[in-house]
């Protein structure tokens, strides 16, 4: 259980920080910190509020974390290594970048 909670904390931190990190790296001048916070909160609820009641229960959170842990645990041995977390994070970033690029090509914004 401790390993799962640690993985949950890592994934949540990565998800919450990746938007701000991308904006900073891309040097987008008109993106404000408050806008990034709001996007992070919206993103959090989009992923974890599985029943849409505008609240995240521990059960909802843990269900998503169990799935994320399984995605990261590439060799299915019940532990997640630094390499597995890095590979998962890299794959998620690449997926988000492709989605963003596709949305921009279509004239919209990625959701």
PDB file of N, CA and C in Angstrom:
ATOM      1  N   UNK A   1       0.825  -1.191   0.000  1.00  0.00           N
ATOM      2  CA  UNK A   1       0.000   0.000   0.000  1.00  0.00           C
ATOM      3  C   UNK A   1       0.871   1.258   0.000  1.00  0.00           C
ATOM      4  N   UNK A   2       1.988   1.234   0.770  1.00  0.00           N
ATOM      5  CA  UNK A   2       2.869   2.394   0.794  1.00  0.00           C
ATOM      6  C   UNK A   2       3.450   2.667  -0.587  1.00  0.00           C
ATOM      7  N   UNK A   3       3.792   1.602  -1.325  1.00  0.00           N
ATOM      8  CA  UNK A   3       4.342   1.773  -2.668  1.00  0.00           C
ATOM      9  C   UNK A   3       3.304   2.399  -3.586  1.00  0.00           C
ATOM     10  N   UNK A   4       2.046   1.977  -3.446  1.00  0.00           N
ATOM     11  CA  UNK A   4       0.983   2.529  -4.279  1.00  0.00           C
ATOM     12  C   UNK A   4       0.766   3.998  -3.958  1.00  0.00           C
ATOM     13  N   UNK A   5       0.759   4.338  -2.673  1.00  0.00           N
ATOM     14  CA  UNK A   5       0.579   5.736  -2.290  1.00  0.00           C
ATOM     15  C   UNK A   5       1.749   6.586  -2.766  1.00  0.00           C
ATOM     16  N   UNK A   6       2.958   6.048  -2.720  1.00  0.00           N
ATOM     17  CA  UNK A   6       4.119   6.781  -3.218  1.00  0.00           C
ATOM     18  C   UNK A   6       3.997   7.007  -4.719  1.00  0.00           C
ATOM     19  N   UNK A   7       3.588   5.983  -5.443  1.00  0.00           N
ATOM     20  CA  UNK A   7       3.396   6.127  -6.884  1.00  0.00           C
ATOM     21  C   UNK A   7       2.299   7.142  -7.164  1.00  0.00           C
ATOM     22  N   UNK A   8       1.236   7.118  -6.367  1.00  0.00           N
ATOM     23  CA  UNK A   8       0.143   8.082  -6.539  1.00  0.00           C
ATOM     24  C   UNK A   8       0.652   9.498  -6.352  1.00  0.00           C
ATOM     25  N   UNK A   9       1.465   9.700  -5.339  1.00  0.00           N
ATOM     26  CA  UNK A   9       2.019  11.027  -5.094  1.00  0.00           C
ATOM     27  C   UNK A   9       2.917  11.463  -6.240  1.00  0.00           C
ATOM     28  N   UNK A  10       3.714  10.562  -6.759  1.00  0.00           N
ATOM     29  CA  UNK A  10       4.606  10.878  -7.875  1.00  0.00           C
ATOM     30  C   UNK A  10       3.805  11.243  -9.111  1.00  0.00           C
ATOM     31  N   UNK A  11       2.827  10.415  -9.450  1.00  0.00           N
ATOM     32  CA  UNK A  11       2.025  10.662 -10.650  1.00  0.00           C
ATOM     33  C   UNK A  11       1.260  11.964 -10.518  1.00  0.00           C
ATOM     34  N   UNK A  12       0.644  12.197  -9.364  1.00  0.00           N
ATOM     35  CA  UNK A  12      -0.116  13.425  -9.165  1.00  0.00           C
ATOM     36  C   UNK A  12       0.801  14.631  -9.268  1.00  0.00           C
ATOM     37  N   UNK A  13       1.971  14.553  -8.657  1.00  0.00           N
ATOM     38  CA  UNK A  13       2.919  15.658  -8.741  1.00  0.00           C
ATOM     39  C   UNK A  13       3.380  15.922 -10.155  1.00  0.00           C
ATOM     40  N   UNK A  14       3.636  14.870 -10.882  1.00  0.00           N
ATOM     41  CA  UNK A  14       4.057  14.999 -12.280  1.00  0.00           C
ATOM     42  C   UNK A  14       2.949  15.640 -13.099  1.00  0.00           C
ATOM     43  N   UNK A  15       1.728  15.154 -12.911  1.00  0.00           N
ATOM     44  CA  UNK A  15       0.604  15.698 -13.673  1.00  0.00           C
ATOM     45  C   UNK A  15       0.370  17.157 -13.336  1.00  0.00           C
ATOM     46  N   UNK A  16       0.429  17.486 -12.055  1.00  0.00           N
ATOM     47  CA  UNK A  16       0.158  18.851 -11.637  1.00  0.00           C
ATOM     48  C   UNK A  16       1.268  19.803 -12.064  1.00  0.00           C
ATOM     49  N   UNK A  17       2.493  19.315 -12.145  1.00  0.00           N
ATOM     50  CA  UNK A  17       3.602  20.202 -12.472  1.00  0.00           C
ATOM     51  C   UNK A  17       3.896  20.269 -13.961  1.00  0.00           C
ATOM     52  N   UNK A  18       3.465  19.294 -14.734  1.00  0.00           N
ATOM     53  CA  UNK A  18       3.862  19.259 -16.139  1.00  0.00           C
ATOM     54  C   UNK A  18       3.293  20.432 -16.927  1.00  0.00           C
ATOM     55  N   UNK A  19       2.115  20.880 -16.612  1.00  0.00           N
ATOM     56  CA  UNK A  19       1.539  22.025 -17.309  1.00  0.00           C
ATOM     57  C   UNK A  19       2.336  23.283 -17.039  1.00  0.00           C
ATOM     58  N   UNK A  20       2.662  23.531 -15.781  1.00  0.00           N
ATOM     59  CA  UNK A  20       3.435  24.714 -15.429  1.00  0.00           C
ATOM     60  C   UNK A  20       4.832  24.632 -16.020  1.00  0.00           C
ATOM     61  N   UNK A  21       5.437  23.461 -15.976  1.00  0.00           N
ATOM     62  CA  UNK A  21       6.772  23.290 -16.530  1.00  0.00           C
ATOM     63  C   UNK A  21       6.796  23.531 -18.017  1.00  0.00           C
ATOM     64  N   UNK A  22       5.773  23.038 -18.712  1.00  0.00           N
ATOM     65  CA  UNK A  22       5.718  23.237 -20.151  1.00  0.00           C
ATOM     66  C   UNK A  22       5.565  24.708 -20.480  1.00  0.00           C
ATOM     67  N   UNK A  23       4.684  25.387 -19.763  1.00  0.00           N
ATOM     68  CA  UNK A  23       4.462  26.808 -20.023  1.00  0.00           C
ATOM     69  C   UNK A  23       5.741  27.597 -19.776  1.00  0.00           C
ATOM     70  N   UNK A  24       6.462  27.248 -18.715  1.00  0.00           N
ATOM     71  CA  UNK A  24       7.690  27.954 -18.409  1.00  0.00           C
ATOM     72  C   UNK A  24       8.753  27.660 -19.467  1.00  0.00           C
ATOM     73  N   UNK A  25       8.897  26.396 -19.848  1.00  0.00           N
ATOM     74  CA  UNK A  25       9.889  26.035 -20.856  1.00  0.00           C
ATOM     75  C   UNK A  25       9.588  26.699 -22.189  1.00  0.00           C
ATOM     76  N   UNK A  26       8.312  26.777 -22.531  1.00  0.00           N
ATOM     77  CA  UNK A  26       7.922  27.357 -23.807  1.00  0.00           C
ATOM     78  C   UNK A  26       7.925  28.878 -23.754  1.00  0.00           C
ATOM     79  N   UNK A  27       8.100  29.431 -22.552  1.00  0.00           N
ATOM     80  CA  UNK A  27       8.145  30.880 -22.347  1.00  0.00           C
ATOM     81  C   UNK A  27       6.906  31.561 -22.937  1.00  0.00           C
ATOM     82  N   UNK A  28       5.752  31.075 -22.535  1.00  0.00           N
ATOM     83  CA  UNK A  28       4.493  31.667 -22.961  1.00  0.00           C
ATOM     84  C   UNK A  28       4.215  32.847 -22.040  1.00  0.00           C
ATOM     85  N   UNK A  29       4.352  34.075 -22.535  1.00  0.00           N
ATOM     86  CA  UNK A  29       4.290  35.234 -21.653  1.00  0.00           C
ATOM     87  C   UNK A  29       2.903  35.529 -21.086  1.00  0.00           C
ATOM     88  N   UNK A  30       1.844  35.210 -21.781  1.00  0.00           N
ATOM     89  CA  UNK A  30       0.519  35.595 -21.314  1.00  0.00           C
ATOM     90  C   UNK A  30      -0.166  34.537 -20.456  1.00  0.00           C
ATOM     91  N   UNK A  31       0.535  33.444 -20.151  1.00  0.00           N
ATOM     92  CA  UNK A  31      -0.026  32.424 -19.275  1.00  0.00           C
ATOM     93  C   UNK A  31       0.275  32.840 -17.838  1.00  0.00           C
ATOM     94  N   UNK A  32      -0.795  32.997 -17.074  1.00  0.00           N
ATOM     95  CA  UNK A  32      -0.631  33.428 -15.693  1.00  0.00           C
ATOM     96  C   UNK A  32      -0.668  32.225 -14.768  1.00  0.00           C
ATOM     97  N   UNK A  33       0.006  32.361 -13.651  1.00  0.00           N
ATOM     98  CA  UNK A  33       0.077  31.271 -12.683  1.00  0.00           C
ATOM     99  C   UNK A  33      -1.318  30.835 -12.246  1.00  0.00           C
ATOM    100  N   UNK A  34      -2.210  31.754 -12.017  1.00  0.00           N
ATOM    101  CA  UNK A  34      -3.568  31.399 -11.586  1.00  0.00           C
ATOM    102  C   UNK A  34      -4.295  30.584 -12.656  1.00  0.00           C
ATOM    103  N   UNK A  35      -4.073  30.917 -13.916  1.00  0.00           N
ATOM    104  CA  UNK A  35      -4.675  30.142 -15.005  1.00  0.00           C
ATOM    105  C   UNK A  35      -4.133  28.718 -15.005  1.00  0.00           C
ATOM    106  N   UNK A  36      -2.841  28.567 -14.766  1.00  0.00           N
ATOM    107  CA  UNK A  36      -2.237  27.244 -14.705  1.00  0.00           C
ATOM    108  C   UNK A  36      -2.780  26.447 -13.527  1.00  0.00           C
ATOM    109  N   UNK A  37      -2.946  27.113 -12.393  1.00  0.00           N
ATOM    110  CA  UNK A  37      -3.528  26.432 -11.234  1.00  0.00           C
ATOM    111  C   UNK A  37      -4.933  25.942 -11.547  1.00  0.00           C
ATOM    112  N   UNK A  38      -5.726  26.807 -12.161  1.00  0.00           N
ATOM    113  CA  UNK A  38      -7.105  26.431 -12.492  1.00  0.00           C
ATOM    114  C   UNK A  38      -7.123  25.250 -13.467  1.00  0.00           C
ATOM    115  N   UNK A  39      -6.244  25.272 -14.454  1.00  0.00           N
ATOM    116  CA  UNK A  39      -6.160  24.152 -15.394  1.00  0.00           C
ATOM    117  C   UNK A  39      -5.762  22.869 -14.681  1.00  0.00           C
ATOM    118  N   UNK A  40      -4.823  22.980 -13.736  1.00  0.00           N
ATOM    119  CA  UNK A  40      -4.394  21.806 -12.978  1.00  0.00           C
ATOM    120  C   UNK A  40      -5.537  21.225 -12.159  1.00  0.00           C
ATOM    121  N   UNK A  41      -6.321  22.096 -11.543  1.00  0.00           N
ATOM    122  CA  UNK A  41      -7.470  21.636 -10.757  1.00  0.00           C
ATOM    123  C   UNK A  41      -8.498  20.976 -11.664  1.00  0.00           C
ATOM    124  N   UNK A  42      -8.786  21.598 -12.798  1.00  0.00           N
ATOM    125  CA  UNK A  42      -9.727  21.011 -13.759  1.00  0.00           C
ATOM    126  C   UNK A  42      -9.226  19.645 -14.225  1.00  0.00           C
ATOM    127  N   UNK A  43      -7.946  19.557 -14.501  1.00  0.00           N
ATOM    128  CA  UNK A  43      -7.326  18.313 -14.945  1.00  0.00           C
ATOM    129  C   UNK A  43      -7.462  17.234 -13.864  1.00  0.00           C
ATOM    130  N   UNK A  44      -7.197  17.611 -12.622  1.00  0.00           N
ATOM    131  CA  UNK A  44      -7.304  16.686 -11.499  1.00  0.00           C
ATOM    132  C   UNK A  44      -8.722  16.101 -11.424  1.00  0.00           C
ATOM    133  N   UNK A  45      -9.725  16.964 -11.475  1.00  0.00           N
ATOM    134  CA  UNK A  45     -11.101  16.481 -11.366  1.00  0.00           C
ATOM    135  C   UNK A  45     -11.526  15.688 -12.602  1.00  0.00           C
ATOM    136  N   UNK A  46     -10.998  16.059 -13.753  1.00  0.00           N
ATOM    137  CA  UNK A  46     -11.314  15.300 -14.962  1.00  0.00           C
ATOM    138  C   UNK A  46     -10.854  13.850 -14.825  1.00  0.00           C
ATOM    139  N   UNK A  47      -9.696  13.648 -14.236  1.00  0.00           N
ATOM    140  CA  UNK A  47      -9.148  12.301 -14.076  1.00  0.00           C
ATOM    141  C   UNK A  47      -9.748  11.533 -12.907  1.00  0.00           C
ATOM    142  N   UNK A  48      -9.897  12.203 -11.771  1.00  0.00           N
ATOM    143  CA  UNK A  48     -10.218  11.483 -10.536  1.00  0.00           C
ATOM    144  C   UNK A  48     -11.688  11.488 -10.149  1.00  0.00           C
ATOM    145  N   UNK A  49     -12.453  12.472 -10.575  1.00  0.00           N
ATOM    146  CA  UNK A  49     -13.873  12.528 -10.213  1.00  0.00           C
ATOM    147  C   UNK A  49     -14.665  11.661 -11.190  1.00  0.00           C
ATOM    148  N   UNK A  50     -14.571  10.358 -11.009  1.00  0.00           N
ATOM    149  CA  UNK A  50     -15.124   9.422 -11.988  1.00  0.00           C
ATOM    150  C   UNK A  50     -16.645   9.389 -12.010  1.00  0.00           C
ATOM    151  N   UNK A  51     -17.309   9.847 -10.923  1.00  0.00           N
ATOM    152  CA  UNK A  51     -18.768   9.852 -10.932  1.00  0.00           C
ATOM    153  C   UNK A  51     -19.348  11.239 -11.204  1.00  0.00           C
ATOM    154  N   UNK A  52     -18.482  12.237 -11.408  1.00  0.00           N
ATOM    155  CA  UNK A  52     -18.932  13.569 -11.804  1.00  0.00           C
ATOM    156  C   UNK A  52     -19.652  14.363 -10.734  1.00  0.00           C
ATOM    157  N   UNK A  53     -19.429  14.041  -9.451  1.00  0.00           N
ATOM    158  CA  UNK A  53     -20.156  14.749  -8.391  1.00  0.00           C
ATOM    159  C   UNK A  53     -19.393  15.953  -7.833  1.00  0.00           C
ATOM    160  N   UNK A  54     -18.334  16.372  -8.523  1.00  0.00           N
ATOM    161  CA  UNK A  54     -17.509  17.519  -8.133  1.00  0.00           C
ATOM    162  C   UNK A  54     -16.778  17.301  -6.806  1.00  0.00           C
ATOM    163  N   UNK A  55     -16.560  16.041  -6.462  1.00  0.00           N
ATOM    164  CA  UNK A  55     -15.778  15.672  -5.278  1.00  0.00           C
ATOM    165  C   UNK A  55     -15.033  14.383  -5.609  1.00  0.00           C
ATOM    166  N   UNK A  56     -13.851  14.237  -5.062  1.00  0.00           N
ATOM    167  CA  UNK A  56     -13.057  13.031  -5.305  1.00  0.00           C
ATOM    168  C   UNK A  56     -12.967  12.242  -4.009  1.00  0.00           C
ATOM    169  N   UNK A  57     -13.552  11.063  -4.031  1.00  0.00           N
ATOM    170  CA  UNK A  57     -13.472  10.190  -2.858  1.00  0.00           C
ATOM    171  C   UNK A  57     -12.135   9.455  -2.878  1.00  0.00           C
ATOM    172  N   UNK A  58     -11.782   8.915  -1.738  1.00  0.00           N
ATOM    173  CA  UNK A  58     -10.562   8.117  -1.658  1.00  0.00           C
ATOM    174  C   UNK A  58     -10.661   6.927  -2.607  1.00  0.00           C
ATOM    175  N   UNK A  59     -11.855   6.329  -2.684  1.00  0.00           N
ATOM    176  CA  UNK A  59     -12.047   5.174  -3.568  1.00  0.00           C
ATOM    177  C   UNK A  59     -11.820   5.562  -5.032  1.00  0.00           C
ATOM    178  N   UNK A  60     -12.341   6.721  -5.442  1.00  0.00           N
ATOM    179  CA  UNK A  60     -12.132   7.187  -6.821  1.00  0.00           C
ATOM    180  C   UNK A  60     -10.646   7.409  -7.079  1.00  0.00           C
ATOM    181  N   UNK A  61     -10.000   8.082  -6.147  1.00  0.00           N
ATOM    182  CA  UNK A  61      -8.583   8.384  -6.292  1.00  0.00           C
ATOM    183  C   UNK A  61      -7.767   7.105  -6.400  1.00  0.00           C
ATOM    184  N   UNK A  62      -8.030   6.166  -5.502  1.00  0.00           N
ATOM    185  CA  UNK A  62      -7.261   4.927  -5.479  1.00  0.00           C
ATOM    186  C   UNK A  62      -7.530   4.077  -6.717  1.00  0.00           C
ATOM    187  N   UNK A  63      -8.744   4.106  -7.242  1.00  0.00           N
ATOM    188  CA  UNK A  63      -9.049   3.350  -8.461  1.00  0.00           C
ATOM    189  C   UNK A  63      -8.186   3.842  -9.624  1.00  0.00           C
ATOM    190  N   UNK A  64      -8.096   5.147  -9.760  1.00  0.00           N
ATOM    191  CA  UNK A  64      -7.269   5.719 -10.826  1.00  0.00           C
ATOM    192  C   UNK A  64      -5.803   5.410 -10.572  1.00  0.00           C
ATOM    193  N   UNK A  65      -5.371   5.507  -9.326  1.00  0.00           N
ATOM    194  CA  UNK A  65      -3.968   5.241  -9.005  1.00  0.00           C
ATOM    195  C   UNK A  65      -3.606   3.778  -9.256  1.00  0.00           C
ATOM    196  N   UNK A  66      -4.526   2.869  -8.962  1.00  0.00           N
ATOM    197  CA  UNK A  66      -4.281   1.446  -9.254  1.00  0.00           C
ATOM    198  C   UNK A  66      -4.038   1.254 -10.751  1.00  0.00           C
ATOM    199  N   UNK A  67      -4.848   1.909 -11.576  1.00  0.00           N
ATOM    200  CA  UNK A  67      -4.672   1.806 -13.033  1.00  0.00           C
ATOM    201  C   UNK A  67      -3.347   2.422 -13.464  1.00  0.00           C
ATOM    202  N   UNK A  68      -3.034   3.595 -12.917  1.00  0.00           N
ATOM    203  CA  UNK A  68      -1.771   4.261 -13.272  1.00  0.00           C
ATOM    204  C   UNK A  68      -0.572   3.416 -12.844  1.00  0.00           C
ATOM    205  N   UNK A  69      -0.658   2.848 -11.648  1.00  0.00           N
ATOM    206  CA  UNK A  69       0.431   2.012 -11.163  1.00  0.00           C
ATOM    207  C   UNK A  69       0.639   0.832 -12.107  1.00  0.00           C
ATOM    208  N   UNK A  70      -0.457   0.194 -12.512  1.00  0.00           N
ATOM    209  CA  UNK A  70      -0.363  -0.948 -13.431  1.00  0.00           C
ATOM    210  C   UNK A  70       0.247  -0.521 -14.764  1.00  0.00           C
ATOM    211  N   UNK A  71      -0.094   0.690 -15.233  1.00  0.00           N
ATOM    212  CA  UNK A  71       0.481   1.203 -16.478  1.00  0.00           C
ATOM    213  C   UNK A  71       1.992   1.409 -16.335  1.00  0.00           C
ATOM    214  N   UNK A  72       2.409   1.911 -15.183  1.00  0.00           N
ATOM    215  CA  UNK A  72       3.833   2.180 -14.977  1.00  0.00           C
ATOM    216  C   UNK A  72       4.636   0.912 -14.723  1.00  0.00           C
ATOM    217  N   UNK A  73       4.048  -0.062 -14.063  1.00  0.00           N
ATOM    218  CA  UNK A  73       4.742  -1.296 -13.683  1.00  0.00           C
ATOM    219  C   UNK A  73       4.882  -2.193 -14.911  1.00  0.00           C
ATOM    220  N   UNK A  74       5.808  -1.815 -15.779  1.00  0.00           N
ATOM    221  CA  UNK A  74       5.957  -2.463 -17.079  1.00  0.00           C
ATOM    222  C   UNK A  74       6.247  -3.949 -16.990  1.00  0.00           C
ATOM    223  N   UNK A  75       6.966  -4.379 -15.967  1.00  0.00           N
ATOM    224  CA  UNK A  75       7.268  -5.798 -15.850  1.00  0.00           C
ATOM    225  C   UNK A  75       6.313  -6.531 -14.900  1.00  0.00           C
ATOM    226  N   UNK A  76       5.282  -5.824 -14.430  1.00  0.00           N
ATOM    227  CA  UNK A  76       4.216  -6.393 -13.595  1.00  0.00           C
ATOM    228  C   UNK A  76       4.753  -7.156 -12.381  1.00  0.00           C
ATOM    229  N   UNK A  77       5.789  -6.596 -11.751  1.00  0.00           N
ATOM    230  CA  UNK A  77       6.358  -7.269 -10.582  1.00  0.00           C
ATOM    231  C   UNK A  77       5.886  -6.658  -9.262  1.00  0.00           C
ATOM    232  N   UNK A  78       4.962  -5.697  -9.335  1.00  0.00           N
ATOM    233  CA  UNK A  78       4.415  -5.109  -8.124  1.00  0.00           C
ATOM    234  C   UNK A  78       5.207  -3.955  -7.561  1.00  0.00           C
ATOM    235  N   UNK A  79       6.266  -3.552  -8.258  1.00  0.00           N
ATOM    236  CA  UNK A  79       7.045  -2.375  -7.863  1.00  0.00           C
ATOM    237  C   UNK A  79       7.262  -1.503  -9.097  1.00  0.00           C
ATOM    238  N   UNK A  80       7.494  -0.233  -8.835  1.00  0.00           N
ATOM    239  CA  UNK A  80       7.749   0.711  -9.923  1.00  0.00           C
ATOM    240  C   UNK A  80       9.129   1.310  -9.700  1.00  0.00           C
ATOM    241  N   UNK A  81       9.971   1.184 -10.700  1.00  0.00           N
ATOM    242  CA  UNK A  81      11.329   1.723 -10.614  1.00  0.00           C
ATOM    243  C   UNK A  81      11.372   3.143 -11.160  1.00  0.00           C
ATOM    244  N   UNK A  82      12.465   3.807 -10.902  1.00  0.00           N
ATOM    245  CA  UNK A  82      12.678   5.148 -11.448  1.00  0.00           C
ATOM    246  C   UNK A  82      12.572   5.125 -12.967  1.00  0.00           C
ATOM    247  N   UNK A  83      13.137   4.103 -13.567  1.00  0.00           N
ATOM    248  CA  UNK A  83      13.107   3.989 -15.026  1.00  0.00           C
ATOM    249  C   UNK A  83      11.683   3.831 -15.542  1.00  0.00           C
ATOM    250  N   UNK A  84      10.869   3.052 -14.832  1.00  0.00           N
ATOM    251  CA  UNK A  84       9.486   2.860 -15.258  1.00  0.00           C
ATOM    252  C   UNK A  84       8.677   4.158 -15.124  1.00  0.00           C
ATOM    253  N   UNK A  85       8.914   4.893 -14.036  1.00  0.00           N
ATOM    254  CA  UNK A  85       8.222   6.178 -13.859  1.00  0.00           C
ATOM    255  C   UNK A  85       8.637   7.146 -14.959  1.00  0.00           C
ATOM    256  N   UNK A  86       9.926   7.201 -15.234  1.00  0.00           N
ATOM    257  CA  UNK A  86      10.428   8.088 -16.286  1.00  0.00           C
ATOM    258  C   UNK A  86       9.840   7.713 -17.644  1.00  0.00           C
ATOM    259  N   UNK A  87       9.803   6.435 -17.955  1.00  0.00           N
ATOM    260  CA  UNK A  87       9.257   5.989 -19.236  1.00  0.00           C
ATOM    261  C   UNK A  87       7.776   6.352 -19.333  1.00  0.00           C
ATOM    262  N   UNK A  88       7.039   6.159 -18.257  1.00  0.00           N
ATOM    263  CA  UNK A  88       5.611   6.492 -18.255  1.00  0.00           C
ATOM    264  C   UNK A  88       5.411   7.996 -18.412  1.00  0.00           C
ATOM    265  N   UNK A  89       6.173   8.774 -17.670  1.00  0.00           N
ATOM    266  CA  UNK A  89       6.072  10.237 -17.748  1.00  0.00           C
ATOM    267  C   UNK A  89       6.403  10.727 -19.159  1.00  0.00           C
ATOM    268  N   UNK A  90       7.447  10.188 -19.736  1.00  0.00           N
ATOM    269  CA  UNK A  90       7.846  10.573 -21.093  1.00  0.00           C
ATOM    270  C   UNK A  90       6.748  10.230 -22.097  1.00  0.00           C
ATOM    271  N   UNK A  91       6.180   9.042 -21.974  1.00  0.00           N
ATOM    272  CA  UNK A  91       5.098   8.631 -22.883  1.00  0.00           C
ATOM    273  C   UNK A  91       3.882   9.545 -22.725  1.00  0.00           C
ATOM    274  N   UNK A  92       3.551   9.913 -21.490  1.00  0.00           N
ATOM    275  CA  UNK A  92       2.406  10.801 -21.256  1.00  0.00           C
ATOM    276  C   UNK A  92       2.662  12.183 -21.846  1.00  0.00           C
ATOM    277  N   UNK A  93       3.876  12.696 -21.676  1.00  0.00           N
ATOM    278  CA  UNK A  93       4.217  13.996 -22.244  1.00  0.00           C
ATOM    279  C   UNK A  93       4.119  13.972 -23.764  1.00  0.00           C
ATOM    280  N   UNK A  94       4.654  12.923 -24.369  1.00  0.00           N
ATOM    281  CA  UNK A  94       4.597  12.809 -25.821  1.00  0.00           C
ATOM    282  C   UNK A  94       3.150  12.742 -26.304  1.00  0.00           C
ATOM    283  N   UNK A  95       2.310  11.996 -25.602  1.00  0.00           N
ATOM    284  CA  UNK A  95       0.904  11.887 -25.961  1.00  0.00           C
ATOM    285  C   UNK A  95       0.228  13.254 -25.873  1.00  0.00           C
ATOM    286  N   UNK A  96       0.481  13.985 -24.791  1.00  0.00           N
ATOM    287  CA  UNK A  96      -0.125  15.313 -24.637  1.00  0.00           C
ATOM    288  C   UNK A  96       0.354  16.274 -25.715  1.00  0.00           C
ATOM    289  N   UNK A  97       1.630  16.199 -26.065  1.00  0.00           N
ATOM    290  CA  UNK A  97       2.166  17.087 -27.101  1.00  0.00           C
ATOM    291  C   UNK A  97       1.530  16.781 -28.451  1.00  0.00           C
ATOM    292  N   UNK A  98       1.356  15.502 -28.765  1.00  0.00           N
ATOM    293  CA  UNK A  98       0.717  15.119 -30.025  1.00  0.00           C
ATOM    294  C   UNK A  98      -0.730  15.590 -30.068  1.00  0.00           C
ATOM    295  N   UNK A  99      -1.438  15.429 -28.947  1.00  0.00           N
ATOM    296  CA  UNK A  99      -2.829  15.881 -28.880  1.00  0.00           C
ATOM    297  C   UNK A  99      -2.915  17.393 -29.045  1.00  0.00           C
ATOM    298  N   UNK A 100      -1.990  18.107 -28.396  1.00  0.00           N
ATOM    299  CA  UNK A 100      -1.973  19.563 -28.500  1.00  0.00           C
ATOM    300  C   UNK A 100      -1.679  19.997 -29.933  1.00  0.00           C
ATOM    301  N   UNK A 101      -0.679  19.360 -30.540  1.00  0.00           N
ATOM    302  CA  UNK A 101      -0.318  19.706 -31.908  1.00  0.00           C
ATOM    303  C   UNK A 101      -1.464  19.419 -32.878  1.00  0.00           C
ATOM    304  N   UNK A 102      -2.135  18.288 -32.683  1.00  0.00           N
ATOM    305  CA  UNK A 102      -3.272  17.942 -33.542  1.00  0.00           C
ATOM    306  C   UNK A 102      -4.392  18.953 -33.376  1.00  0.00           C
ATOM    307  N   UNK A 103      -4.640  19.379 -32.150  1.00  0.00           N
ATOM    308  CA  UNK A 103      -5.700  20.365 -31.908  1.00  0.00           C
ATOM    309  C   UNK A 103      -5.354  21.699 -32.543  1.00  0.00           C
ATOM    310  N   UNK A 104      -4.082  22.091 -32.453  1.00  0.00           N
ATOM    311  CA  UNK A 104      -3.670  23.358 -33.074  1.00  0.00           C
ATOM    312  C   UNK A 104      -3.777  23.287 -34.588  1.00  0.00           C
ATOM    313  N   UNK A 105      -3.479  22.134 -35.160  1.00  0.00           N
ATOM    314  CA  UNK A 105      -3.593  21.982 -36.610  1.00  0.00           C
ATOM    315  C   UNK A 105      -5.047  22.070 -37.063  1.00  0.00           C
ATOM    316  N   UNK A 106      -5.952  21.658 -36.170  1.00  0.00           N
ATOM    317  CA  UNK A 106      -7.371  21.719 -36.488  1.00  0.00           C
ATOM    318  C   UNK A 106      -7.972  23.070 -36.116  1.00  0.00           C
ATOM    319  N   UNK A 107      -7.150  23.962 -35.557  1.00  0.00           N
ATOM    320  CA  UNK A 107      -7.629  25.288 -35.218  1.00  0.00           C
ATOM    321  C   UNK A 107      -8.275  25.395 -33.857  1.00  0.00           C
ATOM    322  N   UNK A 108      -8.124  24.380 -33.019  1.00  0.00           N
ATOM    323  CA  UNK A 108      -8.719  24.403 -31.685  1.00  0.00           C
ATOM    324  C   UNK A 108      -7.654  24.275 -30.626  1.00  0.00           C
ATOM    325  N   UNK A 109      -8.089  24.091 -29.409  1.00  0.00           N
ATOM    326  CA  UNK A 109      -7.166  23.900 -28.286  1.00  0.00           C
ATOM    327  C   UNK A 109      -7.373  22.507 -27.720  1.00  0.00           C
ATOM    328  N   UNK A 110      -6.286  21.899 -27.284  1.00  0.00           N
ATOM    329  CA  UNK A 110      -6.369  20.564 -26.685  1.00  0.00           C
ATOM    330  C   UNK A 110      -7.113  20.650 -25.372  1.00  0.00           C
ATOM    331  N   UNK A 111      -7.925  19.662 -25.099  1.00  0.00           N
ATOM    332  CA  UNK A 111      -8.701  19.638 -23.852  1.00  0.00           C
ATOM    333  C   UNK A 111      -7.968  18.871 -22.808  1.00  0.00           C
TER     334      UNK A 111
END
